C-alpha atoms as a PDB file:
ATOM      1  CA  MET A   1      37.298  15.792   1.613  1.00  0.00           C
ATOM      2  CA  LEU A   2      37.827  12.654  -0.724  1.00  0.00           C
ATOM      3  CA  ILE A   3      33.847  11.809  -0.656  1.00  0.00           C
ATOM      4  CA  LYS A   4      33.084  15.805  -2.114  1.00  0.00           C
ATOM      5  CA  LYS A   5      35.155  15.458  -5.011  1.00  0.00           C
ATOM      6  CA  LEU A   6      33.358  12.031  -6.024  1.00  0.00           C
ATOM      7  CA  VAL A   7      30.092  14.244  -6.719  1.00  0.00           C
ATOM      8  CA  SER A   8      30.800  14.885 -10.257  1.00  0.00           C
ATOM      9  CA  LEU A   9      31.971  11.285 -11.510  1.00  0.00           C
ATOM     10  CA  PRO A  10      29.487   8.302 -12.470  1.00  0.00           C
ATOM     11  CA  SER A  11      28.247   5.865  -9.930  1.00  0.00           C
ATOM     12  CA  ARG A  12      30.837   3.192  -8.991  1.00  0.00           C
ATOM     13  CA  SER A  13      29.863  -0.208 -10.867  1.00  0.00           C
ATOM     14  CA  GLY A  14      29.509  -4.151 -10.922  1.00  0.00           C
ATOM     15  CA  ARG A  15      29.931  -6.645  -8.719  1.00  0.00           C
ATOM     16  CA  HIS A  16      33.855  -7.067  -9.052  1.00  0.00           C
ATOM     17  CA  LEU A  17      34.678  -5.337  -5.970  1.00  0.00           C
ATOM     18  CA  GLN A  18      31.789  -6.356  -3.663  1.00  0.00           C
ATOM     19  CA  ARG A  19      32.384  -7.706  -0.309  1.00  0.00           C
ATOM     20  CA  TYR A  20      30.975 -10.767   0.838  1.00  0.00           C
ATOM     21  CA  ASN A  21      30.466 -12.878   3.856  1.00  0.00           C
ATOM     22  CA  ASP A  22      29.789 -16.872   3.726  1.00  0.00           C
ATOM     23  CA  GLY A  23      27.620 -16.287   0.208  1.00  0.00           C
ATOM     24  CA  CYS A  24      25.766 -12.891   1.308  1.00  0.00           C
ATOM     25  CA  ARG A  25      26.638  -9.641  -0.304  1.00  0.00           C
ATOM     26  CA  LEU A  26      27.761  -6.768   2.285  1.00  0.00           C
ATOM     27  CA  VAL A  27      25.848  -3.308   2.032  1.00  0.00           C
ATOM     28  CA  VAL A  28      25.775  -0.325   3.916  1.00  0.00           C
ATOM     29  CA  GLY A  29      23.637   2.643   4.202  1.00  0.00           C
ATOM     30  CA  CYS A  30      22.612   5.670   5.898  1.00  0.00           C
ATOM     31  CA  ILE A  31      19.143   7.136   7.701  1.00  0.00           C
ATOM     32  CA  PRO A  32      20.406  11.048   6.810  1.00  0.00           C
ATOM     33  CA  TYR A  33      18.467  13.108   8.637  1.00  0.00           C
ATOM     34  CA  ARG A  34      18.559  17.070   9.537  1.00  0.00           C
ATOM     35  CA  PHE A  35      16.378  18.960  12.651  1.00  0.00           C
ATOM     36  CA  ARG A  36      14.807  22.201  10.826  1.00  0.00           C
ATOM     37  CA  GLU A  37      13.010  24.993  12.987  1.00  0.00           C
ATOM     38  CA  THR A  38       9.546  25.353  11.976  1.00  0.00           C
ATOM     39  CA  LYS A  39       7.307  28.918  13.505  1.00  0.00           C
ATOM     40  CA  THR A  40       4.476  25.620  14.238  1.00  0.00           C
ATOM     41  CA  SER A  41       6.392  23.817  16.455  1.00  0.00           C
ATOM     42  CA  PRO A  42       5.035  24.072  20.235  1.00  0.00           C
ATOM     43  CA  PRO A  43       7.698  25.448  22.470  1.00  0.00           C
ATOM     44  CA  ILE A  44       8.989  23.210  25.336  1.00  0.00           C
ATOM     45  CA  HIS A  45      10.278  25.093  28.545  1.00  0.00           C
ATOM     46  CA  GLY A  46      10.008  28.451  26.048  1.00  0.00           C
ATOM     47  CA  THR A  47      12.476  26.927  23.425  1.00  0.00           C
ATOM     48  CA  VAL A  48      11.318  25.986  19.541  1.00  0.00           C
ATOM     49  CA  ILE A  49      11.656  22.163  19.287  1.00  0.00           C
ATOM     50  CA  GLU A  50      13.468  21.599  15.566  1.00  0.00           C
ATOM     51  CA  GLU A  51      11.533  19.210  13.419  1.00  0.00           C
ATOM     52  CA  LEU A  52      12.778  15.777  12.320  1.00  0.00           C
ATOM     53  CA  GLU A  53      13.597  15.333   8.678  1.00  0.00           C
ATOM     54  CA  VAL A  54      14.659  11.992   6.987  1.00  0.00           C
ATOM     55  CA  LEU A  55      16.159  11.941   3.819  1.00  0.00           C
ATOM     56  CA  LEU A  56      14.224   8.648   1.324  1.00  0.00           C
ATOM     57  CA  ILE A  57      15.092   8.634  -2.385  1.00  0.00           C
ATOM     58  CA  THR A  58      13.367   6.668  -4.841  1.00  0.00           C
ATOM     59  CA  SER A  59      15.150   3.567  -6.090  1.00  0.00           C
ATOM     60  CA  GLN A  60      16.284   2.458  -9.574  1.00  0.00           C
ATOM     61  CA  LYS A  61      13.961   0.929 -11.069  1.00  0.00           C
ATOM     62  CA  SER A  62      10.291   1.716  -9.243  1.00  0.00           C
ATOM     63  CA  PRO A  63       8.758   4.617  -6.926  1.00  0.00           C
ATOM     64  CA  ARG A  64       9.409   2.960  -3.900  1.00  0.00           C
ATOM     65  CA  MET A  65      10.887   5.163  -1.147  1.00  0.00           C
ATOM     66  CA  MET A  66      13.941   4.054   0.847  1.00  0.00           C
ATOM     67  CA  PHE A  67      17.154   5.042   2.231  1.00  0.00           C
ATOM     68  CA  PRO A  68      20.769   5.141   0.055  1.00  0.00           C
ATOM     69  CA  LYS A  69      22.394   1.780   0.322  1.00  0.00           C
ATOM     70  CA  GLY A  70      24.568  -0.071  -1.724  1.00  0.00           C
ATOM     71  CA  GLY A  71      27.270  -2.543  -1.756  1.00  0.00           C
ATOM     72  CA  TRP A  72      30.624  -2.435   0.492  1.00  0.00           C
ATOM     73  CA  GLU A  73      33.737  -2.830  -1.400  1.00  0.00           C
ATOM     74  CA  ILE A  74      36.792  -4.398  -0.614  1.00  0.00           C
ATOM     75  CA  ASP A  75      38.683  -1.094  -0.959  1.00  0.00           C
ATOM     76  CA  GLU A  76      36.758   0.785   1.513  1.00  0.00           C
ATOM     77  CA  ASP A  77      35.904   0.496   5.110  1.00  0.00           C
ATOM     78  CA  ILE A  78      32.599   0.423   6.626  1.00  0.00           C
ATOM     79  CA  LYS A  79      32.128   4.288   7.034  1.00  0.00           C
ATOM     80  CA  LEU A  80      33.251   5.622   4.139  1.00  0.00           C
ATOM     81  CA  ALA A  81      31.238   2.772   1.470  1.00  0.00           C
ATOM     82  CA  ALA A  82      28.488   3.997   3.424  1.00  0.00           C
ATOM     83  CA  THR A  83      29.104   7.807   3.141  1.00  0.00           C
ATOM     84  CA  ARG A  84      30.294   6.976  -0.361  1.00  0.00           C
ATOM     85  CA  GLU A  85      26.678   4.887  -1.268  1.00  0.00           C
ATOM     86  CA  THR A  86      24.961   8.188   0.253  1.00  0.00           C
ATOM     87  CA  MET A  87      26.615  10.633  -2.097  1.00  0.00           C
ATOM     88  CA  GLU A  88      25.916   8.625  -4.821  1.00  0.00           C
ATOM     89  CA  GLU A  89      22.423   7.770  -4.265  1.00  0.00           C
ATOM     90  CA  ALA A  90      21.134  10.853  -2.369  1.00  0.00           C
ATOM     91  CA  GLY A  91      23.371  13.721  -2.752  1.00  0.00           C
ATOM     92  CA  VAL A  92      23.948  14.322   0.473  1.00  0.00           C
ATOM     93  CA  VAL A  93      27.622  13.912   3.124  1.00  0.00           C
ATOM     94  CA  GLY A  94      27.242  14.845   7.096  1.00  0.00           C
ATOM     95  CA  THR A  95      28.537  13.493   9.806  1.00  0.00           C
ATOM     96  CA  LEU A  96      28.342   9.379  10.723  1.00  0.00           C
ATOM     97  CA  GLY A  97      26.926   8.135  14.032  1.00  0.00           C
ATOM     98  CA  ASP A  98      27.743   5.078  15.025  1.00  0.00           C
ATOM     99  CA  LYS A  99      26.250   1.776  13.496  1.00  0.00           C
ATOM    100  CA  LEU A 100      22.674   1.602  13.855  1.00  0.00           C
ATOM    101  CA  GLY A 101      22.816  -2.156  13.681  1.00  0.00           C
ATOM    102  CA  GLU A 102      22.813  -4.866  11.245  1.00  0.00           C
ATOM    103  CA  TRP A 103      20.281  -6.811   9.143  1.00  0.00           C
ATOM    104  CA  ILE A 104      19.667 -10.063   6.575  1.00  0.00           C
ATOM    105  CA  PHE A 105      17.571  -9.420   3.730  1.00  0.00           C
ATOM    106  CA  LYS A 106      16.817 -10.714   0.480  1.00  0.00           C
ATOM    107  CA  SER A 107      16.911  -8.665  -2.437  1.00  0.00           C
ATOM    108  CA  ARG A 108      14.029  -7.808  -4.355  1.00  0.00           C
ATOM    109  CA  SER A 109      15.449  -8.260  -7.532  1.00  0.00           C
ATOM    110  CA  ARG A 110      17.537 -11.475  -7.570  1.00  0.00           C
ATOM    111  CA  GLU A 111      17.467 -14.651  -5.271  1.00  0.00           C
ATOM    112  CA  THR A 112      20.597 -13.637  -2.639  1.00  0.00           C
ATOM    113  CA  PHE A 113      21.178 -12.793   0.431  1.00  0.00           C
ATOM    114  CA  HIS A 114      22.466  -9.861   1.722  1.00  0.00           C
ATOM    115  CA  GLU A 115      24.059  -8.748   5.358  1.00  0.00           C
ATOM    116  CA  GLY A 116      23.265  -4.633   5.602  1.00  0.00           C
ATOM    117  CA  TYR A 117      24.983  -2.216   7.674  1.00  0.00           C
ATOM    118  CA  MET A 118      22.726   0.924   8.405  1.00  0.00           C
ATOM    119  CA  PHE A 119      24.500   4.255  10.237  1.00  0.00           C
ATOM    120  CA  PRO A 120      22.909   7.109  10.887  1.00  0.00           C
ATOM    121  CA  MET A 121      24.175  10.333   9.129  1.00  0.00           C
ATOM    122  CA  LEU A 122      23.854  14.042  10.193  1.00  0.00           C
ATOM    123  CA  VAL A 123      23.462  15.915   7.375  1.00  0.00           C
ATOM    124  CA  THR A 124      25.425  19.225   6.508  1.00  0.00           C
ATOM    125  CA  GLU A 125      25.482  19.140   2.626  1.00  0.00           C
ATOM    126  CA  GLU A 126      23.624  18.254   0.153  1.00  0.00           C
ATOM    127  CA  PHE A 127      24.164  19.062  -3.524  1.00  0.00           C
ATOM    128  CA  ASP A 128      22.427  19.882  -6.715  1.00  0.00           C
ATOM    129  CA  VAL A 129      24.404  17.738  -8.962  1.00  0.00           C
ATOM    130  CA  TRP A 130      24.950  14.338  -7.603  1.00  0.00           C
ATOM    131  CA  PRO A 131      25.728  10.508  -9.712  1.00  0.00           C
ATOM    132  CA  GLU A 132      22.597   9.166  -9.381  1.00  0.00           C
ATOM    133  CA  LYS A 133      20.386  12.670 -10.194  1.00  0.00           C
ATOM    134  CA  ASN A 134      18.916  11.253 -13.218  1.00  0.00           C
ATOM    135  CA  VAL A 135      17.434   8.436 -11.746  1.00  0.00           C
ATOM    136  CA  ARG A 136      16.458   9.191  -8.604  1.00  0.00           C
ATOM    137  CA  GLN A 137      14.311  11.766  -6.759  1.00  0.00           C
ATOM    138  CA  ARG A 138      15.099  12.555  -2.747  1.00  0.00           C
ATOM    139  CA  THR A 139      12.597  13.856  -0.370  1.00  0.00           C
ATOM    140  CA  TRP A 140      12.580  14.723   2.770  1.00  0.00           C
ATOM    141  CA  VAL A 141       9.877  13.514   5.060  1.00  0.00           C
ATOM    142  CA  SER A 142       9.273  14.734   8.346  1.00  0.00           C
ATOM    143  CA  SER A 143       6.510  11.384   9.465  1.00  0.00           C
ATOM    144  CA  LEU A 144       8.750   8.677  10.981  1.00  0.00           C
ATOM    145  CA  VAL A 145       5.605   6.321  10.438  1.00  0.00           C
ATOM    146  CA  LYS A 146       7.137   6.805   6.832  1.00  0.00           C
ATOM    147  CA  VAL A 147      10.490   5.837   7.647  1.00  0.00           C
ATOM    148  CA  TYR A 148       9.191   2.695   9.911  1.00  0.00           C
ATOM    149  CA  ALA A 149       7.636   1.034   6.751  1.00  0.00           C
ATOM    150  CA  HIS A 150      10.935  -0.131   5.885  1.00  0.00           C
ATOM    151  CA  ALA A 151      11.815  -3.581   6.953  1.00  0.00           C
ATOM    152  CA  TYR A 152      15.888  -2.688   7.561  1.00  0.00           C
ATOM    153  CA  VAL A 153      14.084   0.112   9.987  1.00  0.00           C
ATOM    154  CA  LYS A 154      12.774  -2.301  12.310  1.00  0.00           C
ATOM    155  CA  PHE A 155      15.827  -4.069  12.591  1.00  0.00           C
ATOM    156  CA  VAL A 156      17.327  -0.627  13.331  1.00  0.00           C
ATOM    157  CA  ARG A 157      14.269   1.477  15.421  1.00  0.00           C
ATOM    158  CA  LYS A 158      15.219   1.043  19.047  1.00  0.00           C
ATOM    159  CA  GLN A 159      18.522   2.681  18.047  1.00  0.00           C
ATOM    160  CA  PHE A 160      17.720   4.827  15.739  1.00  0.00           C
ATOM    161  CA  GLU A 161      14.961   6.271  18.679  1.00  0.00           C
ATOM    162  CA  LEU A 162      18.349   6.152  21.273  1.00  0.00           C
ATOM    163  CA  LEU A 163      19.771   8.081  18.695  1.00  0.00           C
ATOM    164  CA  LEU A 164      17.489  11.401  18.666  1.00  0.00           C
ATOM    165  CA  CYS A 165      16.699  11.092  22.516  1.00  0.00           C
ATOM    166  CA  LYS A 166      20.417  12.277  22.233  1.00  0.00           C
ATOM    167  CA  TYR A 167      19.189  14.693  20.529  1.00  0.00           C
ATOM    168  CA  TYR A 168      16.106  15.448  22.095  1.00  0.00           C
ATOM    169  CA  VAL A 169      17.269  14.934  26.142  1.00  0.00           C
ATOM    170  CA  LYS A 170      17.795  18.972  26.541  1.00  0.00           C
ATOM    171  CA  TYR A 171      14.187  19.204  25.562  1.00  0.00           C
ATOM    172  CA  PHE A 172      12.357  16.183  27.634  1.00  0.00           C
ATOM    173  CA  SER A 173      13.087  12.809  29.463  1.00  0.00           C
ATOM    174  CA  CYS A 174      13.977   9.940  26.959  1.00  0.00           C
ATOM    175  CA  SER A 175      13.429   5.979  28.819  1.00  0.00           C
ATOM    176  CA  THR A 176      17.000   3.660  27.399  1.00  0.00           C
ATOM    177  CA  ASP A 177      14.928   0.630  28.528  1.00  0.00           C
ATOM    178  CA  ASP A 178      13.857  -2.025  25.917  1.00  0.00           C
ATOM    179  CA  SER A 179      10.324  -2.084  26.924  1.00  0.00           C
END
């Protein structure tokens, strides 16, 4: 896979290949997740439930935790850009789900607006070395409270919960209404 070949290369940088929509920089990213079987999880209907873990990374400029995301470039389709950004920043690859949603936000470091798109990524491989390993830390968390603290997750929360319900539906009933 092309993305795996990029693991040993430096991250893309600069804005000359960035996509824009009506002056908003387009950014894409992923909510990387995995399931881990735990001995402390109570069985439901005789089956041990696997614990959901979500991967967060630090910002390059602060210890603030966030999801991997970055510029969508003109030579990429949206899913390739999301996968590349996640590999560069978090050092993981996996299977992308359908787009969770989009949001408009103001950059903390620049006085510009961005249009963002997020995808769920079921992580299938975690690398020991990746392009931004020296400038970021990654942490797997099982507390969705920490995950939901991010502004852009508030926009995609319902879609992410529905994604989880697809997995957990074999254990219990999930409601699909918007209430």
